[in-house]
Amino acid sequence: MRSHHSVLRHKVTVPLVMPTIVLVTALSVNAIATPTQWSFEHVIHSAQQNDPWLTANKHQQQALESMSEAVNTLPTPTMTLGLANLPVDSFNFSQEAMTQVKVGINQKFPRGDSITIKNQQLRIKSQAYPYQRQDRAAKVAVEVANLWLDIYQRQESIVLINKNRELFEQLVNIAQARYGSFAGVTGQQDIVRAQLEVTRLDDRLTQLAQQQSSLWGALKQWLISPNALQRDNEVLLSTPLFSTMMVSKQLPSVQPLLADLLPLQSRDSQSALHKLTRVMQNHPAILAINKQILATKTGIQLAEQAYQPEWGINAHYGYRDDDPMGTSRSDFFSIGVSFDLPLFTNTSQDMAVKSAISSTEAVKTEKLLVMRQLLSRYDSAQATLTQLQARKSLYQKQLIPQTNALAKAALTAYNNDRGDFIDVIKARIARLDADIALLAINVNEQKIMMTLNYLAIGYIPQTSHVADHNNAFNLRELP
């Protein structure tokens, strides 16, 4: 029986941010009838391409950019139109010299440099959105990869159990043929025990199939195109799109971004810690928070503008009619300046500045918390990877060969009437469990590698150009 660790594994470099490609997101009616394989890379690309969150985030960025242009103008001037000094005894417009029709315009000028600062603040806020999209796409890659790997584990476990089920059915036939010529109690027990193990394997297959269907349901939300949902929601959701789906039969080998920090010994060196800290400082989540810090600092400058007076200018034109004798009267023109006096600053301006400062410090604290979480997660994932690799080596070098040898020895002893049938059953079960355990170790290793790469996506090798690195891992601006 072929052991699981001999399954061909192909190396891939998994992109953590979706490339600009067009994917087919709908299957034809004929395609649904045949099983369709989803590769590891295709599932990640499709999930990133069909993520509505990324589209919404792009619209939010565009909204801020448009708002920054909107605030970069003076307030709308106000017009006034009135009739002044009209005599109430006759309501005659030409009776009194001071009676006039007045037209005026007022223009306010915001305090200090508040217009420029508001524009700058909104532009800085909008610059955080591309980093948020990079972080989101990387998280989607990890989540979808975990779902794909879980489905792969169930799928290959079913393959292993089906192969062993055939062996147990052969053992049933052997037991029936061996004791078919005479009805012995021991022979009957052997047959029943072998049939019981076949039934247990069927139960394990049912459980795995149920888990696989549940995982496909969880993966379905990432693979359906939002455009397809808008076109025909009910038809698409009722289509058995994933009833005949399966993942590819090759387990990917995700390559680490920080290969030189993966050994456990490297984690204890101070230089490795400094390098890892620098990598985390370039993480998209941290870069997005840096933009928030800059925006809140700009908010402090904006609050300080409240100490400056708000200026205004007004101009009025007054039209007068001729006097009753027909003599022409001169029209009037008035112009003036207004400004407020920010005298009582202890209860308004001072508190606004303190609030802006506290907001900045709060975001700085959030950055420290996120940095600590990233470093802790990387250290924990690194330690987990080391243990998984140790277990993998133990299974490949000792447990798998030992269980295989035990299964052969038990069957040989039984055929030569020197062993019990129950020992054959136990040995076969141990061999199957070892294969399934090694499969789980290989799958979990790839999950941990995806997590490590997510945490290290801010890594830029010194020997390569930044653009080359971005192209290699698709760490670029999302469409």
Protein backbone atom coordinates (compact mmCIF):
# COMPACT_ATOMS: atom_id res chain seq x y z
CA MET A 1 0.00 0.00 0.00
CA ARG A 2 1.41 3.36 -0.99
CA SER A 3 2.02 5.62 2.00
CA HIS A 4 0.66 9.14 1.99
CA HIS A 5 4.03 10.82 2.40
CA SER A 6 5.00 9.59 -1.04
CA VAL A 7 2.32 11.76 -2.67
CA LEU A 8 3.85 14.17 -5.19
CA ARG A 9 4.00 17.73 -3.85
CA HIS A 10 4.60 20.70 -6.10
CA LYS A 11 6.18 23.93 -4.93
CA VAL A 12 4.15 27.09 -5.31
CA THR A 13 4.58 30.68 -4.31
CA VAL A 14 1.13 31.69 -3.17
CA PRO A 15 0.21 35.30 -3.92
CA LEU A 16 -1.24 37.09 -0.91
CA VAL A 17 -2.84 39.88 -2.95
CA MET A 18 -4.94 39.15 -5.98
CA PRO A 19 -3.44 39.78 -9.43
CA THR A 20 -5.26 41.67 -12.13
CA ILE A 21 -6.68 38.73 -14.05
CA VAL A 22 -10.07 37.71 -15.36
CA LEU A 23 -11.48 34.48 -13.95
CA VAL A 24 -14.41 32.40 -15.09
CA THR A 25 -16.88 32.44 -12.21
CA ALA A 26 -19.83 30.61 -13.71
CA LEU A 27 -20.07 27.03 -14.95
CA SER A 28 -22.13 25.86 -17.87
CA VAL A 29 -24.87 23.29 -17.38
CA ASN A 30 -22.77 20.57 -18.99
CA ALA A 31 -19.77 21.40 -16.80
CA ILE A 32 -21.76 20.80 -13.62
CA ALA A 33 -22.32 17.19 -14.55
CA THR A 34 -18.60 16.37 -14.40
CA PRO A 35 -16.27 16.81 -11.40
CA THR A 36 -14.26 20.03 -11.56
CA GLN A 37 -10.92 20.35 -9.82
CA TRP A 38 -10.02 23.60 -8.08
CA SER A 39 -6.31 24.18 -7.71
CA PHE A 40 -4.82 25.86 -4.66
CA GLU A 41 -3.81 29.01 -6.56
CA HIS A 42 -7.08 29.25 -8.52
CA VAL A 43 -9.22 29.19 -5.37
CA ILE A 44 -7.17 31.97 -3.76
CA HIS A 45 -7.20 34.12 -6.90
CA SER A 46 -10.92 33.64 -7.40
CA ALA A 47 -11.74 34.46 -3.77
CA GLN A 48 -9.71 37.67 -3.91
CA GLN A 49 -11.19 38.62 -7.25
CA ASN A 50 -14.76 38.09 -6.01
CA ASP A 51 -14.40 39.76 -2.60
CA PRO A 52 -16.95 42.61 -2.39
CA TRP A 53 -15.10 44.07 0.60
CA LEU A 54 -12.25 45.15 -1.67
CA THR A 55 -14.65 46.93 -4.01
CA ALA A 56 -16.39 48.67 -1.11
CA ASN A 57 -13.04 49.75 0.30
CA LYS A 58 -12.04 51.25 -3.04
CA HIS A 59 -15.30 53.26 -3.13
CA GLN A 60 -14.64 54.48 0.41
CA GLN A 61 -11.23 55.70 -0.68
CA GLN A 62 -12.73 57.49 -3.67
CA ALA A 63 -15.32 59.09 -1.37
CA LEU A 64 -12.58 60.54 0.86
CA GLU A 65 -10.58 61.73 -2.12
CA SER A 66 -13.64 63.52 -3.51
CA MET A 67 -14.38 65.00 -0.09
CA SER A 68 -10.80 66.30 0.17
CA GLU A 69 -11.36 68.24 -3.04
CA ALA A 70 -14.74 69.47 -1.82
CA VAL A 71 -13.34 70.97 1.39
CA ASN A 72 -10.48 72.66 -0.47
CA THR A 73 -12.67 75.66 -1.36
CA LEU A 74 -13.94 78.71 0.44
CA PRO A 75 -17.47 78.62 1.94
CA THR A 76 -20.24 79.61 -0.42
CA PRO A 77 -20.82 83.38 -0.31
CA THR A 78 -24.23 84.65 0.75
CA MET A 79 -26.32 87.29 -1.04
CA THR A 80 -28.71 89.72 0.63
CA LEU A 81 -31.50 91.72 -0.99
CA GLY A 82 -33.53 94.23 0.99
CA LEU A 83 -35.53 97.45 1.06
CA ALA A 84 -34.27 99.98 3.64
CA ASN A 85 -35.83 103.10 5.20
CA LEU A 86 -39.16 102.92 3.41
CA PRO A 87 -41.61 105.51 4.91
CA VAL A 88 -44.65 103.81 6.39
CA ASP A 89 -46.99 106.79 6.05
CA SER A 90 -47.03 106.68 2.28
CA PHE A 91 -44.79 103.77 1.24
CA ASN A 92 -43.45 106.15 -1.44
CA PHE A 93 -40.02 104.96 -2.57
CA SER A 94 -38.92 108.47 -3.70
CA GLN A 95 -40.29 110.41 -0.68
CA GLU A 96 -37.27 110.08 1.66
CA ALA A 97 -33.63 110.50 0.76
CA MET A 98 -32.52 107.45 2.77
CA THR A 99 -34.95 105.02 1.15
CA GLN A 100 -32.98 102.53 -0.94
CA VAL A 101 -32.88 99.05 -2.41
CA LYS A 102 -29.88 97.23 -0.96
CA VAL A 103 -27.96 94.35 -2.56
CA GLY A 104 -25.13 92.80 -0.58
CA ILE A 105 -22.69 89.91 -0.61
CA ASN A 106 -20.93 88.27 2.36
CA GLN A 107 -17.88 85.99 2.21
CA LYS A 108 -16.50 84.05 5.17
CA PHE A 109 -12.86 82.96 5.43
CA PRO A 110 -12.22 79.88 7.63
CA ARG A 111 -9.88 80.15 10.57
CA GLY A 112 -6.17 80.11 9.81
CA ASP A 113 -5.12 77.28 7.48
CA SER A 114 -8.08 75.07 8.31
CA ILE A 115 -9.00 74.55 4.64
CA THR A 116 -5.53 73.32 3.72
CA ILE A 117 -5.29 71.17 6.84
CA LYS A 118 -8.70 69.56 6.22
CA ASN A 119 -7.69 68.75 2.67
CA GLN A 120 -4.43 67.26 3.87
CA GLN A 121 -6.16 65.24 6.60
CA LEU A 122 -8.65 63.65 4.21
CA ARG A 123 -5.94 62.84 1.67
CA ILE A 124 -3.86 61.13 4.37
CA LYS A 125 -6.90 59.12 5.50
CA SER A 126 -7.53 58.01 1.93
CA GLN A 127 -3.92 56.79 1.63
CA ALA A 128 -4.59 54.14 4.29
CA TYR A 129 -7.13 52.30 2.12
CA PRO A 130 -4.69 50.64 -0.31
CA TYR A 131 -2.86 49.12 2.68
CA GLN A 132 -6.17 47.97 4.11
CA ARG A 133 -6.94 46.22 0.83
CA GLN A 134 -3.55 44.53 0.82
CA ASP A 135 -4.10 43.31 4.37
CA ARG A 136 -7.63 42.14 3.54
CA ALA A 137 -6.51 40.26 0.41
CA ALA A 138 -3.75 38.58 2.40
CA LYS A 139 -6.23 37.53 5.10
CA VAL A 140 -8.58 36.19 2.44
CA ALA A 141 -5.70 34.16 0.99
CA VAL A 142 -5.00 32.59 4.38
CA GLU A 143 -8.66 31.86 5.14
CA VAL A 144 -9.42 30.40 1.73
CA ALA A 145 -6.18 28.42 1.74
CA ASN A 146 -7.15 26.89 5.09
CA LEU A 147 -10.54 25.88 3.69
CA TRP A 148 -8.91 24.38 0.59
CA LEU A 149 -6.41 22.46 2.73
CA ASP A 150 -9.17 21.19 5.02
CA ILE A 151 -11.10 19.93 2.00
CA TYR A 152 -7.92 18.35 0.63
CA GLN A 153 -7.33 16.58 3.95
CA ARG A 154 -10.85 15.11 3.94
CA GLN A 155 -10.62 14.21 0.28
CA GLU A 156 -7.32 12.35 0.64
CA SER A 157 -8.45 10.76 3.90
CA ILE A 158 -11.40 9.31 2.01
CA VAL A 159 -8.95 7.92 -0.59
CA LEU A 160 -6.83 6.29 2.12
CA ILE A 161 -9.84 4.81 3.90
CA ASN A 162 -11.29 3.45 0.67
CA LYS A 163 -8.00 1.66 -0.05
CA ASN A 164 -7.96 0.18 3.44
CA ARG A 165 -11.61 -0.73 3.16
CA GLU A 166 -10.72 -2.93 0.23
CA LEU A 167 -8.05 -4.59 2.37
CA PHE A 168 -10.53 -5.24 5.18
CA GLU A 169 -12.97 -6.75 2.71
CA GLN A 170 -10.15 -9.02 1.56
CA LEU A 171 -9.55 -9.98 5.19
CA VAL A 172 -13.23 -10.89 5.49
CA ASN A 173 -12.88 -13.13 2.46
CA ILE A 174 -9.70 -14.66 3.89
CA ALA A 175 -11.41 -15.38 7.21
CA GLN A 176 -14.43 -16.90 5.46
CA ALA A 177 -12.26 -19.09 3.22
CA ARG A 178 -9.99 -20.14 6.09
CA TYR A 179 -12.79 -21.29 8.33
CA GLY A 180 -15.38 -22.13 5.70
CA SER A 181 -14.69 -25.86 5.86
CA PHE A 182 -15.47 -26.07 9.58
CA ALA A 183 -17.64 -23.93 11.81
CA GLY A 184 -15.37 -22.75 14.60
CA VAL A 185 -16.20 -20.15 17.22
CA THR A 186 -12.89 -18.37 16.65
CA GLY A 187 -13.43 -18.26 12.91
CA GLN A 188 -16.88 -16.76 13.32
CA GLN A 189 -15.48 -14.06 15.61
CA ASP A 190 -12.81 -13.21 13.06
CA ILE A 191 -15.38 -12.77 10.33
CA VAL A 192 -17.62 -10.61 12.52
CA ARG A 193 -14.65 -8.51 13.68
CA ALA A 194 -13.52 -7.88 10.10
CA GLN A 195 -17.07 -6.96 9.06
CA LEU A 196 -17.31 -4.63 12.08
CA GLU A 197 -14.16 -2.80 11.02
CA VAL A 198 -15.54 -2.42 7.50
CA THR A 199 -18.69 -0.87 8.98
CA ARG A 200 -16.60 1.49 11.11
CA LEU A 201 -14.68 2.55 8.04
CA ASP A 202 -17.97 3.26 6.30
CA ASP A 203 -18.96 5.44 9.25
CA ARG A 204 -15.66 7.33 9.02
CA LEU A 205 -16.25 7.83 5.31
CA THR A 206 -19.72 9.22 6.00
CA GLN A 207 -18.35 11.64 8.59
CA LEU A 208 -15.59 12.81 6.24
CA ALA A 209 -18.07 13.31 3.41
CA GLN A 210 -20.29 15.37 5.71
CA GLN A 211 -17.34 17.50 6.81
CA GLN A 212 -16.27 17.93 3.21
CA SER A 213 -19.72 19.16 2.19
CA SER A 214 -19.75 21.63 5.08
CA LEU A 215 -16.32 22.96 4.09
CA TRP A 216 -17.40 23.37 0.47
CA GLY A 217 -20.37 25.35 1.73
CA ALA A 218 -18.01 27.64 3.64
CA LEU A 219 -15.79 28.01 0.59
CA LYS A 220 -18.75 28.71 -1.69
CA GLN A 221 -19.17 32.29 -0.44
CA TRP A 222 -15.65 33.13 -1.67
CA LEU A 223 -16.04 31.65 -5.14
CA ILE A 224 -19.37 33.09 -6.28
CA SER A 225 -19.06 36.28 -8.29
CA PRO A 226 -21.02 39.25 -6.86
CA ASN A 227 -22.03 40.14 -10.43
CA ALA A 228 -23.55 36.68 -10.86
CA LEU A 229 -25.49 37.12 -7.63
CA GLN A 230 -26.90 40.41 -8.85
CA ARG A 231 -27.94 38.87 -12.16
CA ASP A 232 -29.84 35.87 -10.87
CA ASN A 233 -29.55 35.30 -7.15
CA GLU A 234 -32.08 32.49 -6.73
CA VAL A 235 -30.97 30.46 -9.74
CA LEU A 236 -27.30 30.58 -8.81
CA LEU A 237 -27.83 29.65 -5.18
CA SER A 238 -30.12 26.75 -6.12
CA THR A 239 -27.62 25.34 -8.63
CA PRO A 240 -25.68 22.35 -7.22
CA LEU A 241 -22.45 24.11 -8.12
CA PHE A 242 -20.28 22.27 -5.59
CA SER A 243 -21.95 18.89 -5.51
CA THR A 244 -19.43 17.55 -8.01
CA MET A 245 -16.49 19.78 -7.06
CA MET A 246 -13.15 18.55 -5.81
CA VAL A 247 -9.74 20.02 -5.12
CA SER A 248 -6.63 18.96 -6.95
CA LYS A 249 -4.87 15.85 -5.69
CA GLN A 250 -1.49 17.48 -5.15
CA LEU A 251 -0.59 19.12 -1.86
CA PRO A 252 1.11 22.48 -2.49
CA SER A 253 4.39 23.41 -0.87
CA VAL A 254 4.14 27.05 0.19
CA GLN A 255 7.55 28.71 0.22
CA PRO A 256 8.38 30.94 3.21
CA LEU A 257 9.14 34.63 2.81
CA LEU A 258 11.41 34.69 5.84
CA ALA A 259 13.23 31.41 5.38
CA ASP A 260 16.28 32.56 7.36
CA LEU A 261 14.14 33.15 10.47
CA LEU A 262 12.29 29.85 10.39
CA PRO A 263 14.78 27.77 12.44
CA LEU A 264 14.03 27.84 16.15
CA GLN A 265 17.57 28.96 17.01
CA SER A 266 17.21 32.15 14.96
CA ARG A 267 14.34 33.34 17.11
CA ASP A 268 16.65 33.71 20.13
CA SER A 269 19.09 36.10 18.48
CA GLN A 270 18.72 39.84 18.98
CA SER A 271 19.48 40.58 15.33
CA ALA A 272 16.72 38.23 14.21
CA LEU A 273 14.28 40.01 16.52
CA HIS A 274 15.29 43.40 15.09
CA LYS A 275 14.88 42.09 11.56
CA LEU A 276 11.47 40.63 12.35
CA THR A 277 10.41 43.91 13.95
CA ARG A 278 11.42 45.83 10.83
CA VAL A 279 9.43 43.39 8.73
CA MET A 280 6.36 43.86 10.92
CA GLN A 281 6.69 47.64 10.64
CA ASN A 282 6.21 47.24 6.88
CA HIS A 283 3.12 45.06 7.29
CA PRO A 284 0.09 46.58 5.48
CA ALA A 285 -1.91 46.62 8.72
CA ILE A 286 0.81 48.68 10.41
CA LEU A 287 1.24 50.97 7.40
CA ALA A 288 -2.49 51.66 7.43
CA ILE A 289 -2.32 52.57 11.12
CA ASN A 290 0.64 54.87 10.38
CA LYS A 291 -1.61 56.81 8.01
CA GLN A 292 -4.24 57.03 10.73
CA ILE A 293 -1.63 58.43 13.12
CA LEU A 294 -0.65 61.08 10.57
CA ALA A 295 -4.30 61.95 10.05
CA THR A 296 -4.91 62.36 13.78
CA LYS A 297 -1.77 64.52 14.08
CA THR A 298 -3.23 66.68 11.36
CA GLY A 299 -6.37 66.77 13.48
CA ILE A 300 -4.32 68.41 16.23
CA GLN A 301 -3.23 71.12 13.81
CA LEU A 302 -6.84 71.54 12.74
CA ALA A 303 -8.00 71.92 16.33
CA GLU A 304 -5.31 74.54 16.96
CA GLN A 305 -6.77 76.68 14.18
CA ALA A 306 -9.71 77.38 16.50
CA TYR A 307 -7.48 79.90 18.26
CA GLN A 308 -7.40 81.95 15.05
CA PRO A 309 -10.24 84.39 14.31
CA GLU A 310 -12.73 83.69 11.57
CA TRP A 311 -12.73 86.56 9.12
CA GLY A 312 -15.48 87.78 6.85
CA ILE A 313 -15.94 90.53 4.29
CA ASN A 314 -19.20 92.10 3.21
CA ALA A 315 -20.12 94.61 0.52
CA HIS A 316 -23.48 96.32 -0.11
CA TYR A 317 -24.86 98.50 -2.86
CA GLY A 318 -27.84 100.80 -2.16
CA TYR A 319 -29.96 102.18 -4.97
CA ARG A 320 -31.95 105.45 -4.36
CA ASP A 321 -34.70 106.92 -6.51
CA ASP A 322 -34.85 110.58 -7.63
CA ASP A 323 -36.44 113.05 -5.23
CA PRO A 324 -39.99 114.36 -5.84
CA MET A 325 -38.49 117.34 -7.72
CA GLY A 326 -36.73 115.02 -10.15
CA THR A 327 -33.25 115.65 -8.80
CA SER A 328 -31.02 112.61 -9.08
CA ARG A 329 -29.80 111.08 -5.82
CA SER A 330 -26.45 109.36 -5.43
CA ASP A 331 -26.46 105.61 -4.75
CA PHE A 332 -24.58 104.17 -1.75
CA PHE A 333 -21.81 101.55 -1.56
CA SER A 334 -20.70 99.99 1.72
CA ILE A 335 -17.88 97.55 2.55
CA GLY A 336 -16.87 96.03 5.85
CA VAL A 337 -14.83 93.36 7.59
CA SER A 338 -15.96 91.09 10.41
CA PHE A 339 -14.08 88.70 12.69
CA ASP A 340 -14.76 86.85 15.89
CA LEU A 341 -12.74 86.99 19.10
CA PRO A 342 -11.80 83.54 20.54
CA LEU A 343 -11.54 84.80 24.11
CA PHE A 344 -12.99 81.94 26.18
CA THR A 345 -10.62 79.16 25.16
CA ASN A 346 -10.57 77.10 28.35
CA THR A 347 -13.93 75.48 27.68
CA SER A 348 -13.83 75.04 23.91
CA GLN A 349 -10.60 75.40 21.95
CA ASP A 350 -8.35 73.99 24.68
CA MET A 351 -10.56 70.96 25.14
CA ALA A 352 -10.72 70.37 21.37
CA VAL A 353 -6.91 70.33 21.17
CA LYS A 354 -6.65 67.96 24.13
CA SER A 355 -9.20 65.67 22.50
CA ALA A 356 -7.19 65.61 19.25
CA ILE A 357 -3.99 64.81 21.16
CA SER A 358 -5.69 61.98 23.03
CA SER A 359 -7.01 60.57 19.73
CA THR A 360 -3.47 60.51 18.35
CA GLU A 361 -2.12 58.73 21.41
CA ALA A 362 -4.96 56.20 21.22
CA VAL A 363 -4.06 55.30 17.64
CA LYS A 364 -0.38 55.03 18.61
CA THR A 365 -1.37 52.60 21.33
CA GLU A 366 -3.40 50.61 18.82
CA LYS A 367 -0.30 50.36 16.64
CA LEU A 368 1.73 48.99 19.56
CA LEU A 369 -0.97 46.40 20.27
CA VAL A 370 -1.10 45.27 16.63
CA MET A 371 2.70 45.08 16.47
CA ARG A 372 2.76 42.96 19.61
CA GLN A 373 0.06 40.68 18.23
CA LEU A 374 1.92 40.22 14.93
CA LEU A 375 5.21 39.41 16.66
CA SER A 376 3.49 37.03 19.08
CA ARG A 377 1.62 35.26 16.28
CA TYR A 378 4.79 34.87 14.25
CA ASP A 379 6.71 33.48 17.22
CA SER A 380 3.88 31.08 18.06
CA ALA A 381 3.45 29.94 14.45
CA GLN A 382 7.19 29.46 14.15
CA ALA A 383 7.28 27.23 17.22
CA THR A 384 4.27 25.27 15.95
CA LEU A 385 5.96 24.76 12.58
CA THR A 386 9.09 23.43 14.30
CA GLN A 387 7.04 20.89 16.25
CA LEU A 388 5.11 19.86 13.14
CA GLN A 389 8.29 19.30 11.22
CA ALA A 390 9.68 17.21 14.08
CA ARG A 391 6.52 15.08 14.11
CA LYS A 392 6.66 14.78 10.33
CA SER A 393 10.21 13.47 10.51
CA LEU A 394 9.20 11.01 13.25
CA TYR A 395 6.31 9.67 11.18
CA GLN A 396 8.29 9.38 7.95
CA LYS A 397 11.38 7.79 9.47
CA GLN A 398 9.89 5.64 12.23
CA LEU A 399 6.13 5.39 12.67
CA ILE A 400 5.16 4.75 9.05
CA PRO A 401 7.86 2.10 8.45
CA GLN A 402 7.12 0.49 11.83
CA THR A 403 3.36 0.29 11.32
CA ASN A 404 3.91 -1.02 7.80
CA ALA A 405 6.27 -3.70 9.08
CA LEU A 406 3.84 -4.57 11.88
CA ALA A 407 0.96 -4.97 9.43
CA LYS A 408 3.00 -7.30 7.21
CA ALA A 409 4.31 -9.31 10.15
CA ALA A 410 0.84 -9.72 11.66
CA LEU A 411 -0.62 -10.94 8.37
CA THR A 412 2.26 -13.35 7.79
CA ALA A 413 1.93 -14.77 11.30
CA TYR A 414 -1.81 -15.20 10.86
CA ASN A 415 -1.40 -16.99 7.52
CA ASN A 416 1.10 -19.35 9.16
CA ASP A 417 -1.22 -20.03 12.15
CA ARG A 418 1.16 -18.26 14.53
CA GLY A 419 -0.91 -15.14 15.15
CA ASP A 420 -4.42 -13.96 15.95
CA PHE A 421 -6.75 -12.34 13.51
CA ILE A 422 -7.35 -9.43 15.89
CA ASP A 423 -3.64 -8.56 15.67
CA VAL A 424 -3.99 -8.28 11.90
CA ILE A 425 -6.96 -5.95 12.33
CA LYS A 426 -5.18 -3.75 14.89
CA ALA A 427 -2.07 -3.53 12.75
CA ARG A 428 -4.05 -2.46 9.71
CA ILE A 429 -5.93 0.17 11.72
CA ALA A 430 -2.64 1.47 13.14
CA ARG A 431 -1.23 1.70 9.60
CA LEU A 432 -4.29 3.63 8.40
CA ASP A 433 -4.26 5.97 11.40
CA ALA A 434 -0.58 6.70 10.84
CA ASP A 435 -1.21 7.60 7.19
CA ILE A 436 -4.11 9.89 8.13
CA ALA A 437 -2.05 11.50 10.92
CA LEU A 438 0.83 12.19 8.53
CA LEU A 439 -1.64 13.67 6.06
CA ALA A 440 -2.93 16.01 8.80
CA ILE A 441 0.64 17.02 9.69
CA ASN A 442 1.43 17.88 6.06
CA VAL A 443 -1.77 19.91 5.75
CA ASN A 444 -1.19 21.78 9.01
CA GLU A 445 2.37 22.54 7.91
CA GLN A 446 1.05 24.36 4.85
CA LYS A 447 -1.51 26.22 6.97
CA ILE A 448 1.20 27.46 9.31
CA MET A 449 3.34 28.46 6.33
CA MET A 450 0.49 30.54 4.94
CA THR A 451 0.08 32.24 8.32
CA LEU A 452 3.81 32.97 8.53
CA ASN A 453 3.78 34.45 5.04
CA TYR A 454 0.82 36.65 5.92
CA LEU A 455 2.70 37.96 8.95
CA ALA A 456 5.86 38.51 6.87
CA ILE A 457 4.38 40.15 3.75
CA GLY A 458 6.22 43.35 4.66
CA TYR A 459 9.53 41.60 3.97
CA ILE A 460 11.57 43.01 1.08
CA PRO A 461 14.86 41.20 0.34
CA GLN A 462 17.87 43.53 0.23
CA THR A 463 19.23 41.73 -2.81
CA SER A 464 16.16 42.30 -4.95
CA HIS A 465 14.45 45.38 -6.26
CA VAL A 466 11.24 46.40 -4.55
CA ALA A 467 9.25 46.21 -7.77
CA ASP A 468 10.57 42.70 -8.47
CA HIS A 469 9.53 41.56 -5.02
CA ASN A 470 6.10 43.10 -5.38
CA ASN A 471 5.59 41.37 -8.73
CA ALA A 472 6.75 38.05 -7.29
CA PHE A 473 4.13 38.11 -4.54
CA ASN A 474 1.61 40.43 -6.25
CA LEU A 475 1.96 42.98 -3.44
CA ARG A 476 0.75 45.89 -5.47
CA GLU A 477 -2.19 48.27 -5.63
CA LEU A 478 -5.42 46.36 -6.08
CA PRO A 479 -7.74 47.24 -8.95
